[in-house]
Amino acid sequence: LGIGAGILSYVLLGRRYLKSEPALKKRVQLRTKVDGIEFKSNEFVKAVEEALQENENATKEQILETLLNPIKNPLDEEDQQDAQNMTDYLQQRFSGRDLKRQERILAKYLKNGFALTGPDGEAGASAAGNTAVSLPVFSKMDFSLFALYARIKKNAEITGKK
């Protein structure tokens, strides 16, 4: 009986509050703010979304091949700022130690010029010779999102040098 009375009084007081003057003013104020929001399409964000979708549907080997291609080149000033904001956000999302480790693995992989297939077509072979090389191991991290981060960062660095 006590629980029923508690619920009933809670509902009645809640309805009374929703009809009160301060609640109505707050609702009108928030609705006005929401109605004033303008959506502006951004080509860089659209390109990033497409790249992420491609990464999510691709194999690790295909993703590693796309790391060599910029997302949008060259970046204009607005896109450069968007790229910086995106990389800052993704850096915060990843744990610092794992991110540094994955960046080192990727840099080593790309620096050594490893190709996904060697001259004889063997998967995982070095571009310089026939030495078999395993693909880098990326753990504890959404690989498709990390690859997107690496592409944006590389794209921003290339544009910044020009």
N, C-alpha and C. Protein backbone atom coordinates (compact mmCIF):
# COMPACT_ATOMS: atom_id res chain seq x y z
N LEU A 1 0.83 -1.19 0.00
CA LEU A 1 0.00 0.00 0.00
C LEU A 1 0.88 1.26 0.00
N GLY A 2 1.96 1.22 0.82
CA GLY A 2 2.87 2.36 0.91
C GLY A 2 3.58 2.62 -0.40
N ILE A 3 3.97 1.54 -1.11
CA ILE A 3 4.65 1.69 -2.40
C ILE A 3 3.70 2.30 -3.41
N GLY A 4 2.46 1.85 -3.43
CA GLY A 4 1.46 2.39 -4.36
C GLY A 4 1.22 3.87 -4.11
N ALA A 5 1.14 4.26 -2.84
CA ALA A 5 0.94 5.68 -2.51
C ALA A 5 2.14 6.50 -2.92
N GLY A 6 3.34 5.95 -2.76
CA GLY A 6 4.57 6.65 -3.15
C GLY A 6 4.62 6.88 -4.66
N ILE A 7 4.27 5.86 -5.41
CA ILE A 7 4.27 5.98 -6.87
C ILE A 7 3.21 6.98 -7.33
N LEU A 8 2.04 6.92 -6.74
CA LEU A 8 0.96 7.84 -7.10
C LEU A 8 1.36 9.28 -6.82
N SER A 9 1.93 9.53 -5.65
CA SER A 9 2.33 10.91 -5.33
C SER A 9 3.47 11.37 -6.25
N TYR A 10 4.38 10.47 -6.61
CA TYR A 10 5.47 10.82 -7.52
C TYR A 10 4.91 11.23 -8.89
N VAL A 11 3.98 10.47 -9.41
CA VAL A 11 3.37 10.76 -10.71
C VAL A 11 2.62 12.09 -10.67
N LEU A 12 1.83 12.29 -9.63
CA LEU A 12 1.05 13.53 -9.53
C LEU A 12 1.95 14.75 -9.39
N LEU A 13 2.99 14.65 -8.56
CA LEU A 13 3.91 15.78 -8.40
C LEU A 13 4.69 16.03 -9.70
N GLY A 14 5.05 14.95 -10.41
CA GLY A 14 5.76 15.09 -11.68
C GLY A 14 4.91 15.80 -12.71
N ARG A 15 3.64 15.46 -12.81
CA ARG A 15 2.73 16.13 -13.76
C ARG A 15 2.57 17.60 -13.38
N ARG A 16 2.47 17.84 -12.09
CA ARG A 16 2.30 19.23 -11.62
C ARG A 16 3.53 20.06 -11.98
N TYR A 17 4.72 19.45 -11.83
CA TYR A 17 5.95 20.18 -12.17
C TYR A 17 6.01 20.46 -13.67
N LEU A 18 5.66 19.48 -14.50
CA LEU A 18 5.73 19.65 -15.95
C LEU A 18 4.82 20.77 -16.44
N LYS A 19 3.74 21.03 -15.71
CA LYS A 19 2.82 22.09 -16.09
C LYS A 19 3.20 23.43 -15.47
N SER A 20 4.24 23.45 -14.65
CA SER A 20 4.62 24.68 -13.96
C SER A 20 5.27 25.68 -14.93
N GLU A 21 5.28 26.92 -14.52
CA GLU A 21 5.82 28.02 -15.33
C GLU A 21 7.31 27.85 -15.64
N PRO A 22 8.17 27.55 -14.65
CA PRO A 22 9.60 27.39 -14.97
C PRO A 22 9.86 26.25 -15.97
N ALA A 23 9.11 25.17 -15.86
CA ALA A 23 9.30 24.05 -16.78
C ALA A 23 8.89 24.45 -18.19
N LEU A 24 7.80 25.17 -18.34
CA LEU A 24 7.36 25.61 -19.66
C LEU A 24 8.38 26.57 -20.28
N LYS A 25 8.90 27.50 -19.48
CA LYS A 25 9.90 28.44 -20.00
C LYS A 25 11.15 27.71 -20.46
N LYS A 26 11.59 26.76 -19.67
CA LYS A 26 12.80 26.00 -20.02
C LYS A 26 12.59 25.21 -21.31
N ARG A 27 11.43 24.59 -21.46
CA ARG A 27 11.12 23.84 -22.67
C ARG A 27 11.12 24.74 -23.90
N VAL A 28 10.51 25.91 -23.78
CA VAL A 28 10.47 26.86 -24.90
C VAL A 28 11.89 27.32 -25.24
N GLN A 29 12.68 27.61 -24.22
CA GLN A 29 14.05 28.06 -24.44
C GLN A 29 14.88 26.97 -25.15
N LEU A 30 14.77 25.75 -24.71
CA LEU A 30 15.53 24.66 -25.34
C LEU A 30 15.05 24.38 -26.76
N ARG A 31 13.76 24.43 -26.96
CA ARG A 31 13.21 24.19 -28.30
C ARG A 31 13.68 25.29 -29.26
N THR A 32 13.75 26.52 -28.80
CA THR A 32 14.22 27.64 -29.63
C THR A 32 15.68 27.42 -30.01
N LYS A 33 16.50 26.98 -29.06
CA LYS A 33 17.90 26.71 -29.35
C LYS A 33 18.04 25.60 -30.39
N VAL A 34 17.30 24.54 -30.23
CA VAL A 34 17.37 23.42 -31.16
C VAL A 34 16.92 23.85 -32.54
N ASP A 35 15.88 24.65 -32.63
CA ASP A 35 15.38 25.10 -33.93
C ASP A 35 16.38 26.01 -34.63
N GLY A 36 17.26 26.65 -33.89
CA GLY A 36 18.24 27.57 -34.47
C GLY A 36 19.48 26.88 -35.02
N ILE A 37 19.61 25.57 -34.81
CA ILE A 37 20.78 24.84 -35.27
C ILE A 37 20.71 24.64 -36.77
N GLU A 38 21.82 24.94 -37.45
CA GLU A 38 21.90 24.75 -38.89
C GLU A 38 22.88 23.63 -39.18
N PHE A 39 22.51 22.71 -40.04
CA PHE A 39 23.41 21.64 -40.45
C PHE A 39 24.11 22.07 -41.72
N LYS A 40 25.43 21.98 -41.69
CA LYS A 40 26.22 22.36 -42.85
C LYS A 40 27.00 21.13 -43.30
N SER A 41 26.81 20.71 -44.53
CA SER A 41 27.50 19.55 -45.07
C SER A 41 28.99 19.86 -45.20
N ASN A 42 29.83 18.88 -44.87
CA ASN A 42 31.27 19.06 -44.92
C ASN A 42 31.85 17.92 -45.75
N GLU A 43 32.54 18.26 -46.83
CA GLU A 43 33.09 17.25 -47.72
C GLU A 43 34.15 16.39 -47.04
N PHE A 44 34.95 17.00 -46.16
CA PHE A 44 35.98 16.23 -45.47
C PHE A 44 35.36 15.18 -44.56
N VAL A 45 34.33 15.56 -43.82
CA VAL A 45 33.66 14.62 -42.93
C VAL A 45 33.01 13.50 -43.75
N LYS A 46 32.45 13.86 -44.89
CA LYS A 46 31.84 12.86 -45.76
C LYS A 46 32.90 11.86 -46.25
N ALA A 47 34.08 12.37 -46.63
CA ALA A 47 35.16 11.51 -47.10
C ALA A 47 35.66 10.60 -45.97
N VAL A 48 35.72 11.13 -44.75
CA VAL A 48 36.16 10.34 -43.60
C VAL A 48 35.15 9.23 -43.31
N GLU A 49 33.87 9.55 -43.36
CA GLU A 49 32.83 8.54 -43.13
C GLU A 49 32.91 7.43 -44.17
N GLU A 50 33.11 7.80 -45.44
CA GLU A 50 33.22 6.80 -46.49
C GLU A 50 34.44 5.92 -46.28
N ALA A 51 35.56 6.53 -45.89
CA ALA A 51 36.79 5.76 -45.65
C ALA A 51 36.60 4.79 -44.49
N LEU A 52 35.91 5.22 -43.44
CA LEU A 52 35.67 4.33 -42.30
C LEU A 52 34.78 3.16 -42.71
N GLN A 53 33.75 3.42 -43.49
CA GLN A 53 32.88 2.34 -43.97
C GLN A 53 33.66 1.35 -44.83
N GLU A 54 34.54 1.87 -45.68
CA GLU A 54 35.37 0.99 -46.51
C GLU A 54 36.27 0.12 -45.62
N ASN A 55 36.87 0.73 -44.59
CA ASN A 55 37.74 -0.01 -43.67
C ASN A 55 36.98 -1.11 -42.96
N GLU A 56 35.76 -0.83 -42.55
CA GLU A 56 34.99 -1.81 -41.79
C GLU A 56 34.60 -3.00 -42.65
N ASN A 57 34.50 -2.80 -43.96
CA ASN A 57 34.12 -3.88 -44.86
C ASN A 57 35.32 -4.56 -45.51
N ALA A 58 36.54 -4.11 -45.21
CA ALA A 58 37.74 -4.62 -45.87
C ALA A 58 38.51 -5.57 -44.95
N THR A 59 39.41 -6.32 -45.57
CA THR A 59 40.31 -7.18 -44.80
C THR A 59 41.48 -6.34 -44.29
N LYS A 60 42.24 -6.90 -43.37
CA LYS A 60 43.40 -6.18 -42.82
C LYS A 60 44.38 -5.82 -43.94
N GLU A 61 44.59 -6.73 -44.88
CA GLU A 61 45.51 -6.49 -45.98
C GLU A 61 45.03 -5.32 -46.85
N GLN A 62 43.75 -5.29 -47.13
CA GLN A 62 43.20 -4.20 -47.94
C GLN A 62 43.32 -2.86 -47.21
N ILE A 63 43.10 -2.88 -45.91
CA ILE A 63 43.22 -1.65 -45.12
C ILE A 63 44.65 -1.15 -45.14
N LEU A 64 45.62 -2.06 -44.98
CA LEU A 64 47.03 -1.65 -45.01
C LEU A 64 47.40 -1.04 -46.36
N GLU A 65 46.84 -1.55 -47.44
CA GLU A 65 47.10 -0.97 -48.76
C GLU A 65 46.53 0.45 -48.85
N THR A 66 45.37 0.69 -48.25
CA THR A 66 44.76 2.02 -48.34
C THR A 66 45.49 3.06 -47.50
N LEU A 67 46.31 2.62 -46.55
CA LEU A 67 47.04 3.58 -45.72
C LEU A 67 47.97 4.46 -46.55
N LEU A 68 48.36 3.99 -47.69
CA LEU A 68 49.26 4.77 -48.54
C LEU A 68 48.53 5.87 -49.30
N ASN A 69 47.21 5.80 -49.35
CA ASN A 69 46.42 6.79 -50.11
C ASN A 69 45.82 7.83 -49.17
N PRO A 70 45.95 9.11 -49.52
CA PRO A 70 45.32 10.14 -48.70
C PRO A 70 43.80 10.08 -48.82
N ILE A 71 43.11 10.54 -47.80
CA ILE A 71 41.65 10.56 -47.82
C ILE A 71 41.16 11.64 -48.77
N LYS A 72 41.72 12.82 -48.63
CA LYS A 72 41.35 13.93 -49.51
C LYS A 72 42.60 14.78 -49.66
N ASN A 73 43.03 14.96 -50.87
CA ASN A 73 44.28 15.67 -51.06
C ASN A 73 44.10 16.73 -52.12
N PRO A 74 44.58 17.92 -51.98
CA PRO A 74 45.14 18.47 -50.74
C PRO A 74 44.03 18.99 -49.82
N LEU A 75 44.37 19.14 -48.57
CA LEU A 75 43.41 19.68 -47.60
C LEU A 75 43.48 21.19 -47.63
N ASP A 76 42.31 21.84 -47.68
CA ASP A 76 42.32 23.29 -47.56
C ASP A 76 42.38 23.65 -46.07
N GLU A 77 42.39 24.94 -45.76
CA GLU A 77 42.56 25.36 -44.35
C GLU A 77 41.47 24.81 -43.43
N GLU A 78 40.23 24.86 -43.89
CA GLU A 78 39.12 24.37 -43.06
C GLU A 78 39.25 22.85 -42.84
N ASP A 79 39.61 22.14 -43.92
CA ASP A 79 39.78 20.69 -43.79
C ASP A 79 40.98 20.36 -42.90
N GLN A 80 42.01 21.17 -42.98
CA GLN A 80 43.19 20.97 -42.13
C GLN A 80 42.79 21.05 -40.66
N GLN A 81 41.94 22.02 -40.33
CA GLN A 81 41.47 22.17 -38.95
C GLN A 81 40.57 20.99 -38.56
N ASP A 82 39.71 20.57 -39.48
CA ASP A 82 38.85 19.41 -39.21
C ASP A 82 39.69 18.15 -38.99
N ALA A 83 40.74 17.99 -39.80
CA ALA A 83 41.63 16.83 -39.65
C ALA A 83 42.32 16.86 -38.29
N GLN A 84 42.76 18.03 -37.88
CA GLN A 84 43.41 18.16 -36.57
C GLN A 84 42.43 17.82 -35.44
N ASN A 85 41.21 18.34 -35.54
CA ASN A 85 40.20 18.04 -34.52
C ASN A 85 39.89 16.54 -34.49
N MET A 86 39.80 15.92 -35.66
CA MET A 86 39.50 14.49 -35.73
C MET A 86 40.62 13.67 -35.12
N THR A 87 41.88 13.98 -35.44
CA THR A 87 42.99 13.22 -34.87
C THR A 87 43.09 13.44 -33.37
N ASP A 88 42.83 14.66 -32.91
CA ASP A 88 42.85 14.92 -31.46
C ASP A 88 41.79 14.08 -30.75
N TYR A 89 40.59 14.03 -31.33
CA TYR A 89 39.51 13.25 -30.73
C TYR A 89 39.87 11.77 -30.70
N LEU A 90 40.39 11.25 -31.81
CA LEU A 90 40.73 9.83 -31.87
C LEU A 90 41.88 9.49 -30.93
N GLN A 91 42.84 10.41 -30.76
CA GLN A 91 43.92 10.18 -29.81
C GLN A 91 43.37 10.05 -28.40
N GLN A 92 42.38 10.85 -28.06
CA GLN A 92 41.77 10.76 -26.74
C GLN A 92 41.00 9.45 -26.58
N ARG A 93 40.42 8.96 -27.66
CA ARG A 93 39.63 7.74 -27.61
C ARG A 93 40.51 6.51 -27.38
N PHE A 94 41.70 6.50 -28.01
CA PHE A 94 42.62 5.38 -27.84
C PHE A 94 43.43 5.58 -26.57
N SER A 95 43.86 4.48 -25.95
CA SER A 95 44.73 4.63 -24.78
C SER A 95 46.11 5.04 -25.28
N GLY A 96 46.78 5.91 -24.57
CA GLY A 96 48.04 6.49 -25.00
C GLY A 96 49.12 5.46 -25.31
N ARG A 97 49.30 4.48 -24.44
CA ARG A 97 50.35 3.49 -24.62
C ARG A 97 50.07 2.60 -25.83
N ASP A 98 48.84 2.15 -25.97
CA ASP A 98 48.49 1.31 -27.12
C ASP A 98 48.62 2.08 -28.43
N LEU A 99 48.22 3.35 -28.41
CA LEU A 99 48.31 4.16 -29.62
C LEU A 99 49.76 4.32 -30.06
N LYS A 100 50.64 4.64 -29.12
CA LYS A 100 52.06 4.81 -29.44
C LYS A 100 52.64 3.50 -29.99
N ARG A 101 52.25 2.39 -29.38
CA ARG A 101 52.74 1.09 -29.82
C ARG A 101 52.28 0.79 -31.24
N GLN A 102 51.01 1.03 -31.50
CA GLN A 102 50.46 0.74 -32.83
C GLN A 102 51.07 1.67 -33.88
N GLU A 103 51.32 2.92 -33.51
CA GLU A 103 51.94 3.85 -34.45
C GLU A 103 53.36 3.40 -34.79
N ARG A 104 54.10 2.90 -33.78
CA ARG A 104 55.46 2.39 -34.03
C ARG A 104 55.42 1.18 -34.96
N ILE A 105 54.49 0.26 -34.70
CA ILE A 105 54.36 -0.93 -35.55
C ILE A 105 54.05 -0.52 -36.99
N LEU A 106 53.11 0.39 -37.15
CA LEU A 106 52.73 0.82 -38.49
C LEU A 106 53.87 1.56 -39.19
N ALA A 107 54.55 2.44 -38.47
CA ALA A 107 55.66 3.19 -39.06
C ALA A 107 56.76 2.24 -39.52
N LYS A 108 57.07 1.25 -38.70
CA LYS A 108 58.09 0.26 -39.06
C LYS A 108 57.65 -0.52 -40.29
N TYR A 109 56.39 -0.90 -40.31
CA TYR A 109 55.84 -1.66 -41.43
C TYR A 109 55.95 -0.86 -42.72
N LEU A 110 55.54 0.40 -42.69
CA LEU A 110 55.55 1.24 -43.89
C LEU A 110 56.97 1.67 -44.27
N LYS A 111 57.82 1.92 -43.28
CA LYS A 111 59.19 2.38 -43.52
C LYS A 111 60.01 1.32 -44.23
N ASN A 112 59.85 0.08 -43.83
CA ASN A 112 60.64 -1.00 -44.41
C ASN A 112 60.19 -1.38 -45.81
N GLY A 113 59.13 -0.76 -46.29
CA GLY A 113 58.69 -0.98 -47.65
C GLY A 113 58.09 -2.34 -47.89
N PHE A 114 57.48 -2.90 -46.86
CA PHE A 114 56.88 -4.22 -47.02
C PHE A 114 55.66 -4.10 -47.91
N ALA A 115 55.58 -5.00 -48.84
CA ALA A 115 54.41 -5.08 -49.71
C ALA A 115 53.57 -6.25 -49.25
N LEU A 116 52.35 -6.25 -49.61
CA LEU A 116 51.49 -7.36 -49.23
C LEU A 116 51.76 -8.59 -50.08
N THR A 117 52.33 -8.39 -51.28
CA THR A 117 52.76 -9.52 -52.09
C THR A 117 54.13 -9.20 -52.64
N GLY A 118 54.97 -10.19 -52.71
CA GLY A 118 56.33 -10.01 -53.20
C GLY A 118 56.40 -10.17 -54.70
N PRO A 119 57.61 -10.16 -55.25
CA PRO A 119 57.77 -10.28 -56.69
C PRO A 119 57.23 -11.60 -57.23
N ASP A 120 57.26 -12.64 -56.42
CA ASP A 120 56.75 -13.94 -56.87
C ASP A 120 55.28 -14.13 -56.54
N GLY A 121 54.62 -13.06 -56.01
CA GLY A 121 53.20 -13.13 -55.69
C GLY A 121 52.91 -13.73 -54.33
N GLU A 122 53.97 -14.05 -53.57
CA GLU A 122 53.78 -14.65 -52.25
C GLU A 122 53.27 -13.60 -51.27
N ALA A 123 52.21 -13.92 -50.58
CA ALA A 123 51.63 -12.98 -49.63
C ALA A 123 52.58 -12.74 -48.48
N GLY A 124 52.66 -11.47 -48.04
CA GLY A 124 53.46 -11.12 -46.88
C GLY A 124 54.95 -11.07 -47.16
N ALA A 125 55.36 -10.95 -48.40
CA ALA A 125 56.78 -10.91 -48.71
C ALA A 125 57.27 -9.48 -48.80
N SER A 126 58.56 -9.31 -48.55
CA SER A 126 59.15 -7.98 -48.61
C SER A 126 59.25 -7.53 -50.05
N ALA A 127 59.08 -6.24 -50.28
CA ALA A 127 59.19 -5.71 -51.63
C ALA A 127 60.63 -5.80 -52.12
N ALA A 128 61.61 -5.80 -51.21
CA ALA A 128 63.02 -5.85 -51.57
C ALA A 128 63.45 -7.26 -51.97
N GLY A 129 62.78 -8.27 -51.50
CA GLY A 129 63.20 -9.64 -51.80
C GLY A 129 62.10 -10.63 -51.49
N ASN A 130 62.50 -11.86 -51.33
CA ASN A 130 61.53 -12.91 -51.09
C ASN A 130 61.41 -13.27 -49.61
N THR A 131 61.97 -12.48 -48.72
CA THR A 131 61.91 -12.79 -47.30
C THR A 131 60.47 -12.66 -46.81
N ALA A 132 59.97 -13.71 -46.22
CA ALA A 132 58.59 -13.69 -45.74
C ALA A 132 58.48 -12.77 -44.53
N VAL A 133 57.47 -11.95 -44.52
CA VAL A 133 57.24 -11.00 -43.44
C VAL A 133 55.79 -11.12 -43.01
N SER A 134 55.57 -11.26 -41.72
CA SER A 134 54.19 -11.36 -41.26
C SER A 134 53.57 -9.97 -41.18
N LEU A 135 52.28 -9.92 -41.34
CA LEU A 135 51.58 -8.64 -41.23
C LEU A 135 51.66 -8.16 -39.79
N PRO A 136 51.67 -6.86 -39.57
CA PRO A 136 51.75 -6.36 -38.21
C PRO A 136 50.54 -6.78 -37.38
N VAL A 137 50.77 -6.98 -36.11
CA VAL A 137 49.69 -7.40 -35.21
C VAL A 137 49.16 -6.16 -34.50
N PHE A 138 47.90 -5.90 -34.66
CA PHE A 138 47.25 -4.77 -34.01
C PHE A 138 46.26 -5.35 -33.02
N SER A 139 46.46 -5.05 -31.75
CA SER A 139 45.59 -5.65 -30.74
C SER A 139 44.93 -4.58 -29.90
N LYS A 140 43.88 -4.98 -29.21
CA LYS A 140 43.16 -4.12 -28.26
C LYS A 140 42.64 -2.83 -28.88
N MET A 141 42.54 -2.77 -30.16
CA MET A 141 42.15 -1.51 -30.78
C MET A 141 41.31 -1.83 -32.01
N ASP A 142 40.34 -1.02 -32.26
CA ASP A 142 39.54 -1.15 -33.47
C ASP A 142 40.46 -0.81 -34.65
N PHE A 143 40.87 -1.84 -35.39
CA PHE A 143 41.86 -1.64 -36.44
C PHE A 143 41.37 -0.70 -37.53
N SER A 144 40.10 -0.81 -37.91
CA SER A 144 39.60 0.06 -38.97
C SER A 144 39.61 1.52 -38.54
N LEU A 145 39.31 1.78 -37.27
CA LEU A 145 39.34 3.15 -36.76
C LEU A 145 40.77 3.65 -36.63
N PHE A 146 41.69 2.78 -36.18
CA PHE A 146 43.10 3.17 -36.09
C PHE A 146 43.65 3.48 -37.48
N ALA A 147 43.30 2.67 -38.47
CA ALA A 147 43.78 2.92 -39.84
C ALA A 147 43.25 4.26 -40.36
N LEU A 148 42.01 4.57 -40.04
CA LEU A 148 41.44 5.85 -40.43
C LEU A 148 42.23 6.99 -39.77
N TYR A 149 42.51 6.85 -38.48
CA TYR A 149 43.31 7.83 -37.75
C TYR A 149 44.66 8.03 -38.44
N ALA A 150 45.33 6.92 -38.79
CA ALA A 150 46.65 7.01 -39.41
C ALA A 150 46.58 7.71 -40.76
N ARG A 151 45.53 7.42 -41.55
CA ARG A 151 45.38 8.07 -42.85
C ARG A 151 45.14 9.56 -42.72
N ILE A 152 44.29 9.95 -41.77
CA ILE A 152 44.00 11.38 -41.57
C ILE A 152 45.27 12.10 -41.13
N LYS A 153 45.97 11.49 -40.20
CA LYS A 153 47.19 12.11 -39.67
C LYS A 153 48.24 12.26 -40.77
N LYS A 154 48.42 11.21 -41.55
CA LYS A 154 49.38 11.25 -42.66
C LYS A 154 48.97 12.29 -43.69
N ASN A 155 47.68 12.35 -44.01
CA ASN A 155 47.16 13.32 -44.97
C ASN A 155 47.41 14.75 -44.50
N ALA A 156 47.17 14.98 -43.21
CA ALA A 156 47.38 16.33 -42.66
C ALA A 156 48.86 16.69 -42.67
N GLU A 157 49.75 15.72 -42.40
CA GLU A 157 51.17 15.98 -42.41
C GLU A 157 51.66 16.30 -43.83
N ILE A 158 51.15 15.57 -44.82
CA ILE A 158 51.55 15.81 -46.21
C ILE A 158 51.11 17.20 -46.65
N THR A 159 49.88 17.57 -46.33
CA THR A 159 49.36 18.88 -46.70
C THR A 159 50.13 20.00 -46.00
N GLY A 160 50.47 19.77 -44.72
CA GLY A 160 51.19 20.77 -43.95
C GLY A 160 52.57 21.07 -44.50
N LYS A 161 53.20 20.09 -45.16
CA LYS A 161 54.55 20.26 -45.71
C LYS A 161 54.55 21.05 -47.00
N LYS A 162 53.42 21.07 -47.70
CA LYS A 162 53.35 21.74 -49.02
C LYS A 162 53.33 23.23 -48.86
